[in-house]
C-alpha atoms as a PDB file:
ATOM      1  CA  MET A   1      11.441  25.017 -40.536  1.00  0.00           C
ATOM      2  CA  GLY A   2      11.714  21.264 -38.849  1.00  0.00           C
ATOM      3  CA  ILE A   3      11.388  18.248 -40.614  1.00  0.00           C
ATOM      4  CA  PRO A   4       8.153  17.590 -41.804  1.00  0.00           C
ATOM      5  CA  MET A   5       6.324  14.924 -39.958  1.00  0.00           C
ATOM      6  CA  ASP A   6       5.685  11.589 -42.181  1.00  0.00           C
ATOM      7  CA  PRO A   7       1.971  10.993 -42.259  1.00  0.00           C
ATOM      8  CA  ARG A   8       2.287   7.612 -40.716  1.00  0.00           C
ATOM      9  CA  ALA A   9       4.313   8.909 -37.941  1.00  0.00           C
ATOM     10  CA  PHE A  10       1.735  11.299 -36.993  1.00  0.00           C
ATOM     11  CA  LYS A  11      -0.760   8.830 -36.723  1.00  0.00           C
ATOM     12  CA  ASP A  12       1.334   6.272 -34.267  1.00  0.00           C
ATOM     13  CA  ALA A  13       2.158   9.092 -32.394  1.00  0.00           C
ATOM     14  CA  VAL A  14      -1.476  10.357 -31.501  1.00  0.00           C
ATOM     15  CA  PHE A  15      -2.852   6.995 -31.476  1.00  0.00           C
ATOM     16  CA  GLU A  16      -0.478   6.407 -28.574  1.00  0.00           C
ATOM     17  CA  GLN A  17      -1.482   9.244 -26.827  1.00  0.00           C
ATOM     18  CA  PHE A  18      -5.211   8.541 -26.824  1.00  0.00           C
ATOM     19  CA  SER A  19      -4.179   4.970 -25.990  1.00  0.00           C
ATOM     20  CA  ARG A  20      -2.328   6.456 -22.730  1.00  0.00           C
ATOM     21  CA  ALA A  21      -5.652   7.992 -21.858  1.00  0.00           C
ATOM     22  CA  ALA A  22      -7.195   4.344 -21.963  1.00  0.00           C
ATOM     23  CA  ALA A  23      -4.563   3.015 -20.368  1.00  0.00           C
ATOM     24  CA  ALA A  24      -5.360   5.316 -17.189  1.00  0.00           C
ATOM     25  CA  PHE A  25      -8.807   3.540 -16.876  1.00  0.00           C
ATOM     26  CA  ALA A  26      -7.290   0.501 -17.651  1.00  0.00           C
ATOM     27  CA  SER A  27      -7.518  -0.919 -13.945  1.00  0.00           C
ATOM     28  CA  PRO A  28     -10.490  -1.092 -12.225  1.00  0.00           C
ATOM     29  CA  LYS A  29      -8.680   0.251  -8.680  1.00  0.00           C
ATOM     30  CA  ARG A  30      -7.693   3.421 -11.024  1.00  0.00           C
ATOM     31  CA  VAL A  31     -11.789   3.713 -12.563  1.00  0.00           C
ATOM     32  CA  GLU A  32     -12.921   3.476  -8.921  1.00  0.00           C
ATOM     33  CA  ILE A  33     -10.617   6.274  -7.771  1.00  0.00           C
ATOM     34  CA  ILE A  34     -11.785   8.474 -10.238  1.00  0.00           C
ATOM     35  CA  ASP A  35     -15.429   7.435  -9.213  1.00  0.00           C
ATOM     36  CA  LEU A  36     -14.273   8.031  -5.766  1.00  0.00           C
ATOM     37  CA  LEU A  37     -12.933  11.186  -6.458  1.00  0.00           C
ATOM     38  CA  THR A  38     -15.612  12.706  -8.248  1.00  0.00           C
ATOM     39  CA  GLN A  39     -17.076  13.421  -4.573  1.00  0.00           C
ATOM     40  CA  ALA A  40     -14.253  14.980  -3.383  1.00  0.00           C
ATOM     41  CA  GLU A  41     -10.560  15.431  -3.284  1.00  0.00           C
ATOM     42  CA  ARG A  42      -8.651  13.255  -0.751  1.00  0.00           C
ATOM     43  CA  THR A  43      -5.809  12.187   0.496  1.00  0.00           C
ATOM     44  CA  VAL A  44      -3.675   9.107  -0.303  1.00  0.00           C
ATOM     45  CA  GLU A  45      -4.593   7.746   3.054  1.00  0.00           C
ATOM     46  CA  SER A  46      -8.120   7.840   2.440  1.00  0.00           C
ATOM     47  CA  ILE A  47      -8.225   6.936  -0.908  1.00  0.00           C
ATOM     48  CA  ALA A  48      -6.442   3.678   0.357  1.00  0.00           C
ATOM     49  CA  THR A  49      -8.989   2.574   2.999  1.00  0.00           C
ATOM     50  CA  ALA A  50     -11.756   3.630   0.344  1.00  0.00           C
ATOM     51  CA  THR A  51     -10.671   1.153  -1.933  1.00  0.00           C
ATOM     52  CA  ALA A  52      -9.609  -1.460   0.081  1.00  0.00           C
ATOM     53  CA  MET A  53      -5.867  -0.986  -0.755  1.00  0.00           C
ATOM     54  CA  THR A  54      -1.887  -0.236   0.370  1.00  0.00           C
ATOM     55  CA  VAL A  55      -1.558   2.965   0.811  1.00  0.00           C
ATOM     56  CA  GLY A  56       1.784   2.195  -1.968  1.00  0.00           C
ATOM     57  CA  ASN A  57      -0.543   0.650  -4.053  1.00  0.00           C
ATOM     58  CA  THR A  58      -2.822   3.620  -4.264  1.00  0.00           C
ATOM     59  CA  SER A  59       0.017   5.592  -4.637  1.00  0.00           C
ATOM     60  CA  HIS A  60       0.995   3.820  -7.522  1.00  0.00           C
ATOM     61  CA  HIS A  61      -2.256   3.741  -9.078  1.00  0.00           C
ATOM     62  CA  LEU A  62      -2.563   7.897  -8.538  1.00  0.00           C
ATOM     63  CA  GLN A  63       0.914   8.160 -10.165  1.00  0.00           C
ATOM     64  CA  ILE A  64      -0.233   6.374 -13.139  1.00  0.00           C
ATOM     65  CA  LEU A  65      -3.218   9.015 -13.075  1.00  0.00           C
ATOM     66  CA  ARG A  66      -1.240  11.964 -12.749  1.00  0.00           C
ATOM     67  CA  GLY A  67       1.090  11.143 -15.520  1.00  0.00           C
ATOM     68  CA  ALA A  68      -1.892  11.075 -17.686  1.00  0.00           C
ATOM     69  CA  GLY A  69      -3.070  13.768 -16.669  1.00  0.00           C
ATOM     70  CA  MET A  70      -6.106  12.436 -14.943  1.00  0.00           C
ATOM     71  CA  VAL A  71      -6.099  13.677 -11.771  1.00  0.00           C
ATOM     72  CA  GLU A  72      -3.884  16.338  -9.700  1.00  0.00           C
ATOM     73  CA  ALA A  73      -2.317  16.807  -6.187  1.00  0.00           C
ATOM     74  CA  ARG A  74      -1.667  19.339  -3.886  1.00  0.00           C
ATOM     75  CA  ARG A  75       0.202  19.426  -0.580  1.00  0.00           C
ATOM     76  CA  LYS A  76      -2.024  19.890   2.631  1.00  0.00           C
ATOM     77  CA  GLY A  77      -0.111  20.175   5.750  1.00  0.00           C
ATOM     78  CA  LEU A  78       1.559  16.942   6.155  1.00  0.00           C
ATOM     79  CA  HIS A  79      -0.253  15.342   3.346  1.00  0.00           C
ATOM     80  CA  VAL A  80      -0.862  15.382  -0.783  1.00  0.00           C
ATOM     81  CA  VAL A  81      -4.319  15.956  -1.656  1.00  0.00           C
ATOM     82  CA  TYR A  82      -5.563  14.510  -4.403  1.00  0.00           C
ATOM     83  CA  ARG A  83      -8.420  15.635  -6.907  1.00  0.00           C
ATOM     84  CA  ILE A  84      -9.716  15.548 -10.229  1.00  0.00           C
ATOM     85  CA  ALA A  85      -8.010  17.266 -12.843  1.00  0.00           C
ATOM     86  CA  ASP A  86     -10.326  18.693 -14.889  1.00  0.00           C
ATOM     87  CA  PRO A  87     -14.238  18.296 -15.769  1.00  0.00           C
ATOM     88  CA  SER A  88     -13.308  16.483 -19.336  1.00  0.00           C
ATOM     89  CA  VAL A  89     -12.038  13.576 -16.654  1.00  0.00           C
ATOM     90  CA  VAL A  90     -15.358  13.072 -15.037  1.00  0.00           C
ATOM     91  CA  ALA A  91     -17.214  13.546 -18.320  1.00  0.00           C
ATOM     92  CA  GLY A  92     -14.753  10.603 -19.811  1.00  0.00           C
ATOM     93  CA  TYR A  93     -15.611   8.418 -16.939  1.00  0.00           C
ATOM     94  CA  LEU A  94     -18.719   9.027 -17.140  1.00  0.00           C
ATOM     95  CA  HIS A  95     -19.126   8.059 -21.092  1.00  0.00           C
ATOM     96  CA  LEU A  96     -16.701   4.514 -20.282  1.00  0.00           C
ATOM     97  CA  ARG A  97     -19.564   3.769 -17.607  1.00  0.00           C
ATOM     98  CA  SER A  98     -22.364   4.044 -20.153  1.00  0.00           C
ATOM     99  CA  LEU A  99     -20.421   2.217 -22.507  1.00  0.00           C
ATOM    100  CA  ALA A 100     -20.091  -0.770 -19.872  1.00  0.00           C
ATOM    101  CA  GLU A 101     -23.956  -0.211 -19.283  1.00  0.00           C
ATOM    102  CA  GLU A 102     -24.640  -0.352 -22.760  1.00  0.00           C
ATOM    103  CA  ARG A 103     -22.457  -3.665 -24.197  1.00  0.00           C
ATOM    104  CA  MET A 104     -21.879  -5.404 -21.350  1.00  0.00           C
ATOM    105  CA  ALA A 105     -24.777  -7.228 -19.974  1.00  0.00           C
ATOM    106  CA  GLU A 106     -22.661  -8.417 -17.058  1.00  0.00           C
ATOM    107  CA  VAL A 107     -23.272  -4.573 -15.568  1.00  0.00           C
ATOM    108  CA  SER A 108     -26.720  -4.622 -15.177  1.00  0.00           C
ATOM    109  CA  ARG A 109     -26.916  -8.582 -13.624  1.00  0.00           C
ATOM    110  CA  LEU A 110     -24.205  -7.702 -10.851  1.00  0.00           C
ATOM    111  CA  ALA A 111     -26.104  -4.856  -9.995  1.00  0.00           C
ATOM    112  CA  SER A 112     -29.435  -6.223 -10.201  1.00  0.00           C
ATOM    113  CA  SER A 113     -27.938  -8.798  -8.290  1.00  0.00           C
ATOM    114  CA  PHE A 114     -26.221  -6.902  -5.424  1.00  0.00           C
ATOM    115  CA  PHE A 115     -29.354  -4.522  -4.765  1.00  0.00           C
ATOM    116  CA  ASP A 116     -31.865  -7.484  -4.937  1.00  0.00           C
ATOM    117  CA  GLU A 117     -30.212  -9.391  -2.071  1.00  0.00           C
ATOM    118  CA  HIS A 118     -29.458  -6.515   0.050  1.00  0.00           C
ATOM    119  CA  ASP A 119     -32.330  -4.023  -0.165  1.00  0.00           C
ATOM    120  CA  GLY A 120     -34.960  -5.509  -1.971  1.00  0.00           C
ATOM    121  CA  ALA A 121     -36.694  -2.984  -3.436  1.00  0.00           C
ATOM    122  CA  THR A 122     -36.938  -0.813  -6.670  1.00  0.00           C
ATOM    123  CA  ALA A 123     -34.756   2.816  -5.817  1.00  0.00           C
ATOM    124  CA  VAL A 124     -36.920   6.100  -5.014  1.00  0.00           C
ATOM    125  CA  SER A 125     -37.028   8.388  -8.231  1.00  0.00           C
ATOM    126  CA  PHE A 126     -36.189  11.760  -8.148  1.00  0.00           C
ATOM    127  CA  ASP A 127     -39.661  12.890  -8.737  1.00  0.00           C
ATOM    128  CA  ASP A 128     -40.883  10.225  -6.147  1.00  0.00           C
ATOM    129  CA  LEU A 129     -38.185  12.077  -3.704  1.00  0.00           C
ATOM    130  CA  LYS A 130     -39.593  15.905  -4.582  1.00  0.00           C
ATOM    131  CA  SER A 131     -43.019  14.800  -3.823  1.00  0.00           C
ATOM    132  CA  ARG A 132     -41.988  12.886  -0.349  1.00  0.00           C
ATOM    133  CA  LEU A 133     -39.801  16.356   0.407  1.00  0.00           C
ATOM    134  CA  GLY A 134     -42.558  17.893  -0.073  1.00  0.00           C
ATOM    135  CA  GLU A 135     -45.071  16.176   2.342  1.00  0.00           C
ATOM    136  CA  GLY A 136     -42.542  17.101   5.059  1.00  0.00           C
ATOM    137  CA  GLU A 137     -42.578  13.538   6.252  1.00  0.00           C
ATOM    138  CA  THR A 138     -39.179  11.653   5.030  1.00  0.00           C
ATOM    139  CA  LEU A 139     -35.944  12.504   6.260  1.00  0.00           C
ATOM    140  CA  LEU A 140     -33.166  12.407   4.223  1.00  0.00           C
ATOM    141  CA  ILE A 141     -30.176  10.654   5.063  1.00  0.00           C
ATOM    142  CA  ASP A 142     -26.864  10.998   3.350  1.00  0.00           C
ATOM    143  CA  VAL A 143     -24.397   7.892   4.399  1.00  0.00           C
ATOM    144  CA  ARG A 144     -21.217   9.131   2.295  1.00  0.00           C
ATOM    145  CA  PRO A 145     -18.294  10.033   4.372  1.00  0.00           C
ATOM    146  CA  SER A 146     -18.439  13.572   6.231  1.00  0.00           C
ATOM    147  CA  LEU A 147     -15.840  15.020   3.618  1.00  0.00           C
ATOM    148  CA  GLU A 148     -18.164  14.142   0.799  1.00  0.00           C
ATOM    149  CA  TYR A 149     -21.145  15.422   2.371  1.00  0.00           C
ATOM    150  CA  ASP A 150     -19.385  19.080   2.873  1.00  0.00           C
ATOM    151  CA  ALA A 151     -18.348  19.335  -0.342  1.00  0.00           C
ATOM    152  CA  GLY A 152     -21.683  18.892  -1.479  1.00  0.00           C
ATOM    153  CA  HIS A 153     -25.488  17.377  -0.422  1.00  0.00           C
ATOM    154  CA  LEU A 154     -28.819  17.483  -0.980  1.00  0.00           C
ATOM    155  CA  PRO A 155     -30.487  20.650   0.617  1.00  0.00           C
ATOM    156  CA  GLY A 156     -32.192  19.107   4.027  1.00  0.00           C
ATOM    157  CA  ALA A 157     -30.260  15.902   3.904  1.00  0.00           C
ATOM    158  CA  VAL A 158     -28.436  14.989   7.742  1.00  0.00           C
ATOM    159  CA  ASN A 159     -25.166  13.350   7.244  1.00  0.00           C
ATOM    160  CA  ILE A 160     -24.922   9.931   9.137  1.00  0.00           C
ATOM    161  CA  PRO A 161     -22.182   7.967   7.450  1.00  0.00           C
ATOM    162  CA  LEU A 162     -22.759   4.533   6.954  1.00  0.00           C
ATOM    163  CA  GLU A 163     -20.023   3.310   9.667  1.00  0.00           C
ATOM    164  CA  GLU A 164     -21.492   5.590  12.642  1.00  0.00           C
ATOM    165  CA  LEU A 165     -24.948   4.507  11.468  1.00  0.00           C
ATOM    166  CA  SER A 166     -25.346   1.773  13.631  1.00  0.00           C
ATOM    167  CA  ALA A 167     -24.302   4.018  16.951  1.00  0.00           C
ATOM    168  CA  ARG A 168     -26.502   6.564  15.891  1.00  0.00           C
ATOM    169  CA  MET A 169     -29.517   4.657  15.096  1.00  0.00           C
ATOM    170  CA  ALA A 170     -30.999   6.665  18.146  1.00  0.00           C
ATOM    171  CA  GLU A 171     -31.016   9.635  15.686  1.00  0.00           C
ATOM    172  CA  VAL A 172     -33.529   8.071  12.955  1.00  0.00           C
ATOM    173  CA  PRO A 173     -37.570   8.215  14.326  1.00  0.00           C
ATOM    174  CA  VAL A 174     -38.640   5.030  14.089  1.00  0.00           C
ATOM    175  CA  ASP A 175     -42.139   6.491  12.375  1.00  0.00           C
ATOM    176  CA  ALA A 176     -40.506   8.379   9.534  1.00  0.00           C
ATOM    177  CA  SER A 177     -39.869   7.207   6.124  1.00  0.00           C
ATOM    178  CA  VAL A 178     -36.341   7.112   5.140  1.00  0.00           C
ATOM    179  CA  VAL A 179     -34.633   7.727   1.819  1.00  0.00           C
ATOM    180  CA  ALA A 180     -30.725   7.029   2.149  1.00  0.00           C
ATOM    181  CA  TYR A 181     -28.359   8.314  -0.696  1.00  0.00           C
ATOM    182  CA  CYS A 182     -24.925   7.617  -1.728  1.00  0.00           C
ATOM    183  CA  ARG A 183     -22.756   8.194  -4.389  1.00  0.00           C
ATOM    184  CA  GLY A 184     -24.175   6.490  -7.581  1.00  0.00           C
ATOM    185  CA  PRO A 185     -25.861   3.746  -8.808  1.00  0.00           C
ATOM    186  CA  TYR A 186     -23.303   1.536  -8.039  1.00  0.00           C
ATOM    187  CA  CYS A 187     -22.463   2.849  -4.995  1.00  0.00           C
ATOM    188  CA  VAL A 188     -23.267   0.322  -2.596  1.00  0.00           C
ATOM    189  CA  LEU A 189     -23.449   2.404   1.238  1.00  0.00           C
ATOM    190  CA  SER A 190     -26.488   3.423   0.870  1.00  0.00           C
ATOM    191  CA  ALA A 191     -28.462  -0.196   0.019  1.00  0.00           C
ATOM    192  CA  LEU A 192     -26.075  -1.413   3.265  1.00  0.00           C
ATOM    193  CA  ALA A 193     -27.939   1.181   5.215  1.00  0.00           C
ATOM    194  CA  VAL A 194     -31.272   0.607   4.001  1.00  0.00           C
ATOM    195  CA  GLU A 195     -30.695  -2.889   5.098  1.00  0.00           C
ATOM    196  CA  ARG A 196     -29.959  -2.274   8.578  1.00  0.00           C
ATOM    197  CA  LEU A 197     -32.294   0.021   8.759  1.00  0.00           C
ATOM    198  CA  ARG A 198     -34.819  -1.811   7.986  1.00  0.00           C
ATOM    199  CA  ALA A 199     -33.656  -4.686  10.517  1.00  0.00           C
ATOM    200  CA  THR A 200     -34.588  -2.028  13.064  1.00  0.00           C
ATOM    201  CA  GLY A 201     -37.950  -1.775  12.141  1.00  0.00           C
ATOM    202  CA  HIS A 202     -37.683   1.239  10.331  1.00  0.00           C
ATOM    203  CA  GLU A 203     -39.173   2.123   6.676  1.00  0.00           C
ATOM    204  CA  ALA A 204     -36.371   3.164   4.585  1.00  0.00           C
ATOM    205  CA  SER A 205     -35.605   3.309   1.099  1.00  0.00           C
ATOM    206  CA  ARG A 206     -32.289   4.213  -1.132  1.00  0.00           C
ATOM    207  CA  LEU A 207     -32.229   6.909  -3.676  1.00  0.00           C
ATOM    208  CA  GLU A 208     -31.678   6.012  -7.215  1.00  0.00           C
ATOM    209  CA  GLY A 209     -28.353   7.753  -8.947  1.00  0.00           C
ATOM    210  CA  GLY A 210     -26.138  10.340  -7.502  1.00  0.00           C
ATOM    211  CA  PRO A 211     -24.728  14.015  -7.593  1.00  0.00           C
ATOM    212  CA  PHE A 212     -24.434  13.594 -11.738  1.00  0.00           C
ATOM    213  CA  GLU A 213     -27.999  12.124 -12.110  1.00  0.00           C
ATOM    214  CA  TRP A 214     -29.636  14.300  -9.769  1.00  0.00           C
ATOM    215  CA  ALA A 215     -27.996  17.323 -11.417  1.00  0.00           C
ATOM    216  CA  ALA A 216     -30.058  16.341 -14.217  1.00  0.00           C
ATOM    217  CA  HIS A 217     -33.674  16.443 -12.420  1.00  0.00           C
ATOM    218  CA  ASP A 218     -32.733  20.017 -11.089  1.00  0.00           C
ATOM    219  CA  LEU A 219     -31.862  18.410  -7.517  1.00  0.00           C
ATOM    220  CA  THR A 220     -28.645  20.663  -6.748  1.00  0.00           C
ATOM    221  CA  LEU A 221     -26.049  19.845  -4.434  1.00  0.00           C
ATOM    222  CA  THR A 222     -25.314  22.025  -1.429  1.00  0.00           C
ATOM    223  CA  GLN A 223     -22.540  22.671   0.817  1.00  0.00           C
ATOM    224  CA  PHE A 224     -24.846  24.234   3.794  1.00  0.00           C
END
């Protein structure tokens, strides 16, 4: 039997581990990486592009997340691909987001300011979307990158990534009622898509929430 651990040493050691987990989220860029990886696994280069960082900085943040057990890596050809390590990481991220929403009024202010400026309308609710799709006159567009669409999308959605929207505008009927969606309540892709669609005469709105919110309202993702 080893020497019994001193109670104070135990407390210090266990709370140090808790702080290591918290430190993994102690960078805006690392939180964004977690948010990004909840959609689909990605290469370092892809994460760097999506988060507007250099590959070197991205790798540094990923190593911190990996060291804290938040992400895992595997080799795919010449690339290293990262993914969320476990559903508990997603749960932790969502709890962190909820805590910030509840305790920090700036979150709501920032969201209102951005979305009011770019699409100026209330997002389409889950129930409203179900009703519209039932009527058969709504075009549902997933404006995320194709790798995220392939990992899981709403049934019937057409994938037109935001960066391709202008070039593919002819694929969107002018008389269709368009609902665009992306990653979640703070994803900007759908708002920018709606802004561009309206500028070309389309009736367009964005869908509220993202995959985690949709699941709670029986809007399940598919890969087909």
